Amino acid sequence: MPTADELRAGIDGARAALRVAIQTSGDAWETPKGTADDGEAGWSPRQTAEHVIPAEMMFATGVCAACGYDGPDNPLTSTEFATPDDALAALDAVAEAANSKIKYVQDEELGKSQGGEGMAAVPVAGLMAMNTWHLADHAAQISRPAF
């Protein structure tokens, strides 16, 4: 199992990939991307960013709940990003809020979960790995050519 530090590094790396994808989306900010096979066919980079950036708060809140910490304060006043610069500012704010809490996760907490069903049953390591995958998957989606 990866360590807490390795999981945090994975999240940071996936955020960096998302940042590059958003920065390089250019004039295609409103152009649909994806394929019929990926489940998000027709999502523009804007729509993808409006989905993936707020989801970071869900993952961080789940990690905090499983560990018994207070969750991060959500810095987003809107989940609509009219420009790539708006999305980048939101990504930075969400990363700061999430990191302010997940920086405390210790290796011995990685197996904890909130208990119950669905996402509440996923252990901390799983939530952190899912966040990494989610960020990286949507970064790749934004980077695909338009169809």
N, C-alpha and C. Protein backbone atom coordinates (compact mmCIF):
# COMPACT_ATOMS: atom_id res chain seq x y z
N MET A 1 0.85 -1.18 0.00
CA MET A 1 0.00 0.00 0.00
C MET A 1 0.89 1.24 0.00
N PRO A 2 0.54 2.22 -0.80
CA PRO A 2 1.32 3.47 -0.79
C PRO A 2 1.24 4.16 0.58
N THR A 3 2.23 4.93 0.87
CA THR A 3 2.22 5.71 2.10
C THR A 3 1.36 6.95 1.92
N ALA A 4 1.07 7.60 3.03
CA ALA A 4 0.29 8.85 2.96
C ALA A 4 1.03 9.89 2.13
N ASP A 5 2.34 9.96 2.29
CA ASP A 5 3.13 10.92 1.50
C ASP A 5 3.05 10.61 0.01
N GLU A 6 3.12 9.32 -0.33
CA GLU A 6 3.02 8.93 -1.74
C GLU A 6 1.64 9.25 -2.31
N LEU A 7 0.60 9.04 -1.52
CA LEU A 7 -0.76 9.36 -1.98
C LEU A 7 -0.93 10.86 -2.18
N ARG A 8 -0.39 11.66 -1.26
CA ARG A 8 -0.44 13.12 -1.42
C ARG A 8 0.32 13.56 -2.67
N ALA A 9 1.46 12.94 -2.90
CA ALA A 9 2.25 13.27 -4.10
C ALA A 9 1.48 12.90 -5.37
N GLY A 10 0.76 11.81 -5.34
CA GLY A 10 -0.06 11.44 -6.49
C GLY A 10 -1.14 12.46 -6.77
N ILE A 11 -1.79 12.93 -5.73
CA ILE A 11 -2.82 13.97 -5.88
C ILE A 11 -2.19 15.23 -6.46
N ASP A 12 -1.05 15.63 -5.92
CA ASP A 12 -0.38 16.84 -6.42
C ASP A 12 0.01 16.69 -7.89
N GLY A 13 0.50 15.51 -8.26
CA GLY A 13 0.87 15.28 -9.66
C GLY A 13 -0.33 15.33 -10.59
N ALA A 14 -1.44 14.75 -10.16
CA ALA A 14 -2.65 14.78 -10.98
C ALA A 14 -3.20 16.20 -11.09
N ARG A 15 -3.10 16.97 -10.01
CA ARG A 15 -3.51 18.38 -10.09
C ARG A 15 -2.64 19.14 -11.08
N ALA A 16 -1.35 18.84 -11.08
CA ALA A 16 -0.45 19.51 -12.03
C ALA A 16 -0.84 19.17 -13.46
N ALA A 17 -1.22 17.91 -13.71
CA ALA A 17 -1.66 17.52 -15.05
C ALA A 17 -2.95 18.25 -15.42
N LEU A 18 -3.86 18.39 -14.47
CA LEU A 18 -5.10 19.12 -14.72
C LEU A 18 -4.80 20.59 -15.02
N ARG A 19 -3.88 21.15 -14.29
CA ARG A 19 -3.48 22.56 -14.51
C ARG A 19 -2.98 22.74 -15.94
N VAL A 20 -2.10 21.87 -16.39
CA VAL A 20 -1.57 21.97 -17.75
C VAL A 20 -2.69 21.81 -18.77
N ALA A 21 -3.57 20.85 -18.55
CA ALA A 21 -4.68 20.64 -19.49
C ALA A 21 -5.56 21.88 -19.59
N ILE A 22 -5.85 22.49 -18.46
CA ILE A 22 -6.68 23.71 -18.47
C ILE A 22 -5.92 24.85 -19.15
N GLN A 23 -4.66 25.01 -18.80
CA GLN A 23 -3.87 26.09 -19.39
C GLN A 23 -3.75 25.97 -20.90
N THR A 24 -3.71 24.75 -21.41
CA THR A 24 -3.51 24.56 -22.84
C THR A 24 -4.82 24.36 -23.60
N SER A 25 -5.96 24.51 -22.91
CA SER A 25 -7.25 24.33 -23.58
C SER A 25 -7.55 25.48 -24.54
N GLY A 26 -6.95 26.64 -24.29
CA GLY A 26 -7.05 27.79 -25.20
C GLY A 26 -8.44 28.11 -25.68
N ASP A 27 -8.58 28.22 -26.98
CA ASP A 27 -9.86 28.59 -27.58
C ASP A 27 -10.88 27.45 -27.52
N ALA A 28 -10.48 26.28 -27.08
CA ALA A 28 -11.38 25.13 -27.03
C ALA A 28 -12.12 25.01 -25.70
N TRP A 29 -12.11 26.04 -24.88
CA TRP A 29 -12.71 26.00 -23.54
C TRP A 29 -14.17 25.54 -23.57
N GLU A 30 -14.88 25.91 -24.61
CA GLU A 30 -16.30 25.55 -24.72
C GLU A 30 -16.55 24.43 -25.73
N THR A 31 -15.50 23.85 -26.30
CA THR A 31 -15.65 22.83 -27.34
C THR A 31 -15.78 21.45 -26.73
N PRO A 32 -16.83 20.70 -27.08
CA PRO A 32 -17.00 19.35 -26.53
C PRO A 32 -15.82 18.45 -26.87
N LYS A 33 -15.47 17.61 -25.90
CA LYS A 33 -14.39 16.63 -26.06
C LYS A 33 -14.90 15.28 -25.61
N GLY A 34 -14.05 14.30 -25.69
CA GLY A 34 -14.41 12.98 -25.22
C GLY A 34 -14.87 12.10 -26.35
N THR A 35 -15.23 10.90 -25.97
CA THR A 35 -15.74 9.94 -26.94
C THR A 35 -17.00 9.30 -26.38
N ALA A 36 -17.70 8.62 -27.21
CA ALA A 36 -18.91 7.93 -26.76
C ALA A 36 -18.58 6.84 -25.74
N ASP A 37 -17.34 6.38 -25.73
CA ASP A 37 -16.94 5.30 -24.83
C ASP A 37 -16.55 5.77 -23.44
N ASP A 38 -16.25 7.04 -23.25
CA ASP A 38 -15.72 7.46 -21.95
C ASP A 38 -16.76 7.96 -20.97
N GLY A 39 -18.02 8.00 -21.34
CA GLY A 39 -19.07 8.39 -20.42
C GLY A 39 -19.25 9.87 -20.27
N GLU A 40 -18.32 10.65 -20.76
CA GLU A 40 -18.44 12.11 -20.68
C GLU A 40 -18.46 12.72 -22.08
N ALA A 41 -18.92 11.97 -23.04
CA ALA A 41 -18.96 12.47 -24.42
C ALA A 41 -19.70 13.78 -24.46
N GLY A 42 -19.09 14.73 -25.13
CA GLY A 42 -19.73 16.02 -25.28
C GLY A 42 -19.37 17.03 -24.21
N TRP A 43 -18.58 16.64 -23.20
CA TRP A 43 -18.19 17.61 -22.18
C TRP A 43 -17.08 18.49 -22.73
N SER A 44 -17.22 19.78 -22.57
CA SER A 44 -16.16 20.72 -22.93
C SER A 44 -15.14 20.76 -21.80
N PRO A 45 -13.95 21.34 -22.04
CA PRO A 45 -13.01 21.54 -20.95
C PRO A 45 -13.65 22.32 -19.78
N ARG A 46 -14.47 23.29 -20.12
CA ARG A 46 -15.14 24.06 -19.06
C ARG A 46 -16.03 23.15 -18.22
N GLN A 47 -16.87 22.36 -18.86
CA GLN A 47 -17.77 21.48 -18.11
C GLN A 47 -16.98 20.47 -17.28
N THR A 48 -15.91 19.98 -17.84
CA THR A 48 -15.07 19.02 -17.12
C THR A 48 -14.47 19.69 -15.88
N ALA A 49 -13.93 20.89 -16.04
CA ALA A 49 -13.35 21.61 -14.90
C ALA A 49 -14.42 21.91 -13.85
N GLU A 50 -15.61 22.26 -14.31
CA GLU A 50 -16.70 22.57 -13.38
C GLU A 50 -17.16 21.32 -12.61
N HIS A 51 -16.82 20.15 -13.11
CA HIS A 51 -17.11 18.90 -12.41
C HIS A 51 -15.95 18.49 -11.49
N VAL A 52 -14.75 18.45 -12.04
CA VAL A 52 -13.63 17.83 -11.33
C VAL A 52 -13.10 18.71 -10.19
N ILE A 53 -13.09 20.01 -10.35
CA ILE A 53 -12.52 20.87 -9.30
C ILE A 53 -13.37 20.83 -8.03
N PRO A 54 -14.69 21.01 -8.10
CA PRO A 54 -15.48 20.90 -6.87
C PRO A 54 -15.44 19.50 -6.24
N ALA A 55 -15.26 18.47 -7.06
CA ALA A 55 -15.22 17.11 -6.52
C ALA A 55 -14.05 16.91 -5.56
N GLU A 56 -13.01 17.70 -5.70
CA GLU A 56 -11.88 17.60 -4.78
C GLU A 56 -12.32 17.84 -3.34
N MET A 57 -13.29 18.72 -3.16
CA MET A 57 -13.78 18.98 -1.81
C MET A 57 -14.49 17.75 -1.25
N MET A 58 -15.20 17.01 -2.09
CA MET A 58 -15.87 15.80 -1.66
C MET A 58 -14.85 14.77 -1.18
N PHE A 59 -13.78 14.57 -1.95
CA PHE A 59 -12.76 13.61 -1.55
C PHE A 59 -12.08 14.04 -0.25
N ALA A 60 -11.69 15.30 -0.14
CA ALA A 60 -11.01 15.78 1.07
C ALA A 60 -11.93 15.68 2.28
N THR A 61 -13.19 15.99 2.11
CA THR A 61 -14.15 15.90 3.22
C THR A 61 -14.31 14.46 3.66
N GLY A 62 -14.34 13.53 2.71
CA GLY A 62 -14.44 12.11 3.05
C GLY A 62 -13.23 11.62 3.81
N VAL A 63 -12.05 12.04 3.39
CA VAL A 63 -10.82 11.67 4.09
C VAL A 63 -10.87 12.20 5.52
N CYS A 64 -11.26 13.45 5.67
CA CYS A 64 -11.32 14.06 7.00
C CYS A 64 -12.33 13.35 7.90
N ALA A 65 -13.49 13.04 7.35
CA ALA A 65 -14.52 12.36 8.14
C ALA A 65 -14.02 10.99 8.61
N ALA A 66 -13.34 10.26 7.74
CA ALA A 66 -12.82 8.94 8.11
C ALA A 66 -11.75 9.04 9.19
N CYS A 67 -10.96 10.11 9.14
CA CYS A 67 -9.87 10.29 10.11
C CYS A 67 -10.33 10.97 11.39
N GLY A 68 -11.54 11.51 11.38
CA GLY A 68 -12.04 12.21 12.56
C GLY A 68 -11.64 13.67 12.63
N TYR A 69 -11.23 14.24 11.50
CA TYR A 69 -10.86 15.66 11.44
C TYR A 69 -12.07 16.48 11.01
N ASP A 70 -12.02 17.76 11.34
CA ASP A 70 -12.97 18.69 10.72
C ASP A 70 -12.62 18.78 9.25
N GLY A 71 -13.62 18.81 8.40
CA GLY A 71 -13.40 18.91 6.96
C GLY A 71 -12.92 20.29 6.57
N PRO A 72 -12.40 20.41 5.37
CA PRO A 72 -11.93 21.72 4.88
C PRO A 72 -13.10 22.64 4.60
N ASP A 73 -12.86 23.92 4.75
CA ASP A 73 -13.85 24.92 4.34
C ASP A 73 -13.80 25.01 2.83
N ASN A 74 -14.98 24.98 2.22
CA ASN A 74 -15.05 25.07 0.76
C ASN A 74 -14.80 26.51 0.32
N PRO A 75 -13.74 26.76 -0.44
CA PRO A 75 -13.43 28.13 -0.85
C PRO A 75 -14.22 28.59 -2.08
N LEU A 76 -14.96 27.69 -2.71
CA LEU A 76 -15.65 28.04 -3.95
C LEU A 76 -16.94 28.79 -3.68
N THR A 77 -17.07 29.94 -4.30
CA THR A 77 -18.32 30.69 -4.23
C THR A 77 -19.18 30.39 -5.44
N SER A 78 -18.57 29.77 -6.44
CA SER A 78 -19.28 29.37 -7.65
C SER A 78 -18.58 28.15 -8.23
N THR A 79 -19.33 27.33 -8.91
CA THR A 79 -18.74 26.19 -9.61
C THR A 79 -18.87 26.39 -11.12
N GLU A 80 -18.99 27.62 -11.52
CA GLU A 80 -19.00 27.97 -12.94
C GLU A 80 -17.73 28.75 -13.24
N PHE A 81 -16.99 28.29 -14.24
CA PHE A 81 -15.70 28.87 -14.58
C PHE A 81 -15.75 29.36 -16.02
N ALA A 82 -16.02 30.62 -16.19
CA ALA A 82 -16.21 31.19 -17.53
C ALA A 82 -14.95 31.14 -18.39
N THR A 83 -13.79 31.14 -17.75
CA THR A 83 -12.53 31.12 -18.49
C THR A 83 -11.57 30.11 -17.86
N PRO A 84 -10.55 29.71 -18.60
CA PRO A 84 -9.54 28.85 -17.99
C PRO A 84 -8.89 29.49 -16.76
N ASP A 85 -8.70 30.80 -16.79
CA ASP A 85 -8.12 31.47 -15.63
C ASP A 85 -9.01 31.35 -14.40
N ASP A 86 -10.33 31.41 -14.59
CA ASP A 86 -11.26 31.20 -13.47
C ASP A 86 -11.09 29.79 -12.90
N ALA A 87 -10.97 28.82 -13.79
CA ALA A 87 -10.81 27.43 -13.35
C ALA A 87 -9.49 27.24 -12.61
N LEU A 88 -8.43 27.86 -13.11
CA LEU A 88 -7.12 27.73 -12.45
C LEU A 88 -7.14 28.35 -11.06
N ALA A 89 -7.80 29.50 -10.92
CA ALA A 89 -7.91 30.12 -9.59
C ALA A 89 -8.70 29.22 -8.65
N ALA A 90 -9.76 28.60 -9.15
CA ALA A 90 -10.56 27.69 -8.33
C ALA A 90 -9.74 26.45 -7.96
N LEU A 91 -8.99 25.92 -8.92
CA LEU A 91 -8.14 24.75 -8.64
C LEU A 91 -7.14 25.08 -7.54
N ASP A 92 -6.51 26.23 -7.62
CA ASP A 92 -5.55 26.63 -6.59
C ASP A 92 -6.22 26.75 -5.22
N ALA A 93 -7.40 27.36 -5.18
CA ALA A 93 -8.10 27.54 -3.91
C ALA A 93 -8.53 26.21 -3.31
N VAL A 94 -9.04 25.32 -4.14
CA VAL A 94 -9.47 24.01 -3.67
C VAL A 94 -8.27 23.19 -3.21
N ALA A 95 -7.18 23.23 -3.96
CA ALA A 95 -5.97 22.49 -3.57
C ALA A 95 -5.46 22.98 -2.22
N GLU A 96 -5.45 24.28 -2.03
CA GLU A 96 -5.00 24.83 -0.74
C GLU A 96 -5.90 24.36 0.40
N ALA A 97 -7.21 24.43 0.20
CA ALA A 97 -8.15 24.01 1.24
C ALA A 97 -8.01 22.52 1.55
N ALA A 98 -7.96 21.70 0.51
CA ALA A 98 -7.84 20.26 0.71
C ALA A 98 -6.50 19.91 1.37
N ASN A 99 -5.42 20.49 0.86
CA ASN A 99 -4.10 20.19 1.40
C ASN A 99 -3.96 20.62 2.86
N SER A 100 -4.69 21.66 3.26
CA SER A 100 -4.60 22.13 4.64
C SER A 100 -5.09 21.08 5.62
N LYS A 101 -5.84 20.13 5.13
CA LYS A 101 -6.35 19.05 5.99
C LYS A 101 -5.66 17.72 5.72
N ILE A 102 -5.53 17.35 4.43
CA ILE A 102 -4.97 16.01 4.17
C ILE A 102 -3.48 15.94 4.48
N LYS A 103 -2.85 17.06 4.73
CA LYS A 103 -1.43 17.03 5.11
C LYS A 103 -1.22 16.33 6.45
N TYR A 104 -2.31 16.20 7.23
CA TYR A 104 -2.21 15.57 8.54
C TYR A 104 -2.41 14.06 8.51
N VAL A 105 -2.84 13.51 7.38
CA VAL A 105 -3.10 12.08 7.31
C VAL A 105 -1.79 11.31 7.53
N GLN A 106 -1.87 10.35 8.44
CA GLN A 106 -0.72 9.50 8.77
C GLN A 106 -0.92 8.11 8.18
N ASP A 107 0.16 7.39 7.98
CA ASP A 107 0.09 6.05 7.39
C ASP A 107 -0.89 5.15 8.14
N GLU A 108 -0.92 5.24 9.45
CA GLU A 108 -1.78 4.36 10.24
C GLU A 108 -3.27 4.69 10.08
N GLU A 109 -3.59 5.82 9.45
CA GLU A 109 -4.99 6.19 9.22
C GLU A 109 -5.50 5.76 7.84
N LEU A 110 -4.63 5.24 7.00
CA LEU A 110 -5.01 4.94 5.62
C LEU A 110 -6.08 3.86 5.50
N GLY A 111 -6.20 3.00 6.49
CA GLY A 111 -7.21 1.95 6.46
C GLY A 111 -8.53 2.35 7.06
N LYS A 112 -8.62 3.53 7.65
CA LYS A 112 -9.86 3.99 8.27
C LYS A 112 -10.90 4.34 7.22
N SER A 113 -12.17 4.16 7.59
CA SER A 113 -13.27 4.63 6.75
C SER A 113 -14.35 5.17 7.66
N GLN A 114 -15.33 5.81 7.06
CA GLN A 114 -16.45 6.31 7.84
C GLN A 114 -17.38 5.18 8.26
N GLY A 115 -17.29 4.07 7.56
CA GLY A 115 -18.20 2.95 7.79
C GLY A 115 -19.48 3.18 7.01
N GLY A 116 -20.26 2.17 6.90
CA GLY A 116 -21.49 2.30 6.14
C GLY A 116 -21.33 1.79 4.73
N GLU A 117 -22.07 2.40 3.81
CA GLU A 117 -22.09 1.94 2.43
C GLU A 117 -21.58 3.02 1.48
N GLY A 118 -21.37 2.62 0.26
CA GLY A 118 -20.95 3.57 -0.77
C GLY A 118 -19.61 4.19 -0.45
N MET A 119 -19.48 5.48 -0.74
CA MET A 119 -18.20 6.18 -0.52
C MET A 119 -17.80 6.17 0.95
N ALA A 120 -18.76 6.11 1.86
CA ALA A 120 -18.44 6.09 3.29
C ALA A 120 -17.67 4.83 3.68
N ALA A 121 -17.80 3.77 2.89
CA ALA A 121 -17.10 2.52 3.20
C ALA A 121 -15.68 2.49 2.64
N VAL A 122 -15.33 3.44 1.79
CA VAL A 122 -14.02 3.45 1.16
C VAL A 122 -12.98 3.95 2.17
N PRO A 123 -11.89 3.22 2.36
CA PRO A 123 -10.87 3.69 3.29
C PRO A 123 -10.13 4.92 2.76
N VAL A 124 -9.47 5.59 3.67
CA VAL A 124 -8.74 6.82 3.35
C VAL A 124 -7.81 6.62 2.16
N ALA A 125 -7.04 5.54 2.14
CA ALA A 125 -6.11 5.30 1.02
C ALA A 125 -6.89 5.22 -0.29
N GLY A 126 -8.03 4.58 -0.27
CA GLY A 126 -8.85 4.47 -1.47
C GLY A 126 -9.39 5.81 -1.93
N LEU A 127 -9.83 6.63 -0.98
CA LEU A 127 -10.33 7.97 -1.34
C LEU A 127 -9.24 8.81 -1.96
N MET A 128 -8.05 8.75 -1.39
CA MET A 128 -6.94 9.54 -1.92
C MET A 128 -6.54 9.03 -3.31
N ALA A 129 -6.52 7.71 -3.48
CA ALA A 129 -6.19 7.15 -4.79
C ALA A 129 -7.28 7.48 -5.82
N MET A 130 -8.54 7.44 -5.40
CA MET A 130 -9.64 7.79 -6.30
C MET A 130 -9.55 9.25 -6.72
N ASN A 131 -9.18 10.12 -5.80
CA ASN A 131 -9.03 11.54 -6.13
C ASN A 131 -7.95 11.71 -7.18
N THR A 132 -6.83 11.02 -7.00
CA THR A 132 -5.75 11.08 -7.99
C THR A 132 -6.25 10.62 -9.36
N TRP A 133 -6.90 9.47 -9.38
CA TRP A 133 -7.41 8.93 -10.65
C TRP A 133 -8.40 9.92 -11.28
N HIS A 134 -9.30 10.47 -10.49
CA HIS A 134 -10.34 11.37 -10.99
C HIS A 134 -9.71 12.61 -11.63
N LEU A 135 -8.77 13.20 -10.96
CA LEU A 135 -8.08 14.38 -11.50
C LEU A 135 -7.35 14.03 -12.79
N ALA A 136 -6.59 12.93 -12.78
CA ALA A 136 -5.80 12.55 -13.96
C ALA A 136 -6.70 12.17 -15.13
N ASP A 137 -7.78 11.47 -14.86
CA ASP A 137 -8.70 11.06 -15.92
C ASP A 137 -9.31 12.28 -16.61
N HIS A 138 -9.74 13.24 -15.83
CA HIS A 138 -10.35 14.43 -16.43
C HIS A 138 -9.31 15.36 -17.06
N ALA A 139 -8.10 15.35 -16.57
CA ALA A 139 -7.03 16.10 -17.25
C ALA A 139 -6.82 15.51 -18.64
N ALA A 140 -6.81 14.20 -18.72
CA ALA A 140 -6.65 13.53 -20.03
C ALA A 140 -7.83 13.85 -20.94
N GLN A 141 -9.01 13.89 -20.36
CA GLN A 141 -10.20 14.20 -21.16
C GLN A 141 -10.11 15.61 -21.76
N ILE A 142 -9.69 16.57 -20.96
CA ILE A 142 -9.55 17.95 -21.44
C ILE A 142 -8.51 18.02 -22.55
N SER A 143 -7.49 17.20 -22.46
CA SER A 143 -6.38 17.23 -23.42
C SER A 143 -6.69 16.52 -24.73
N ARG A 144 -7.75 15.73 -24.77
CA ARG A 144 -8.11 15.02 -26.01
C ARG A 144 -8.49 16.00 -27.10
N PRO A 145 -8.33 15.60 -28.34
CA PRO A 145 -8.82 16.45 -29.44
C PRO A 145 -10.35 16.49 -29.42
N ALA A 146 -10.90 17.55 -29.91
CA ALA A 146 -12.35 17.64 -30.05
C ALA A 146 -12.82 16.64 -31.05
N PHE A 147 -14.05 16.17 -30.89
CA PHE A 147 -14.56 15.23 -31.90
C PHE A 147 -15.51 15.91 -32.83
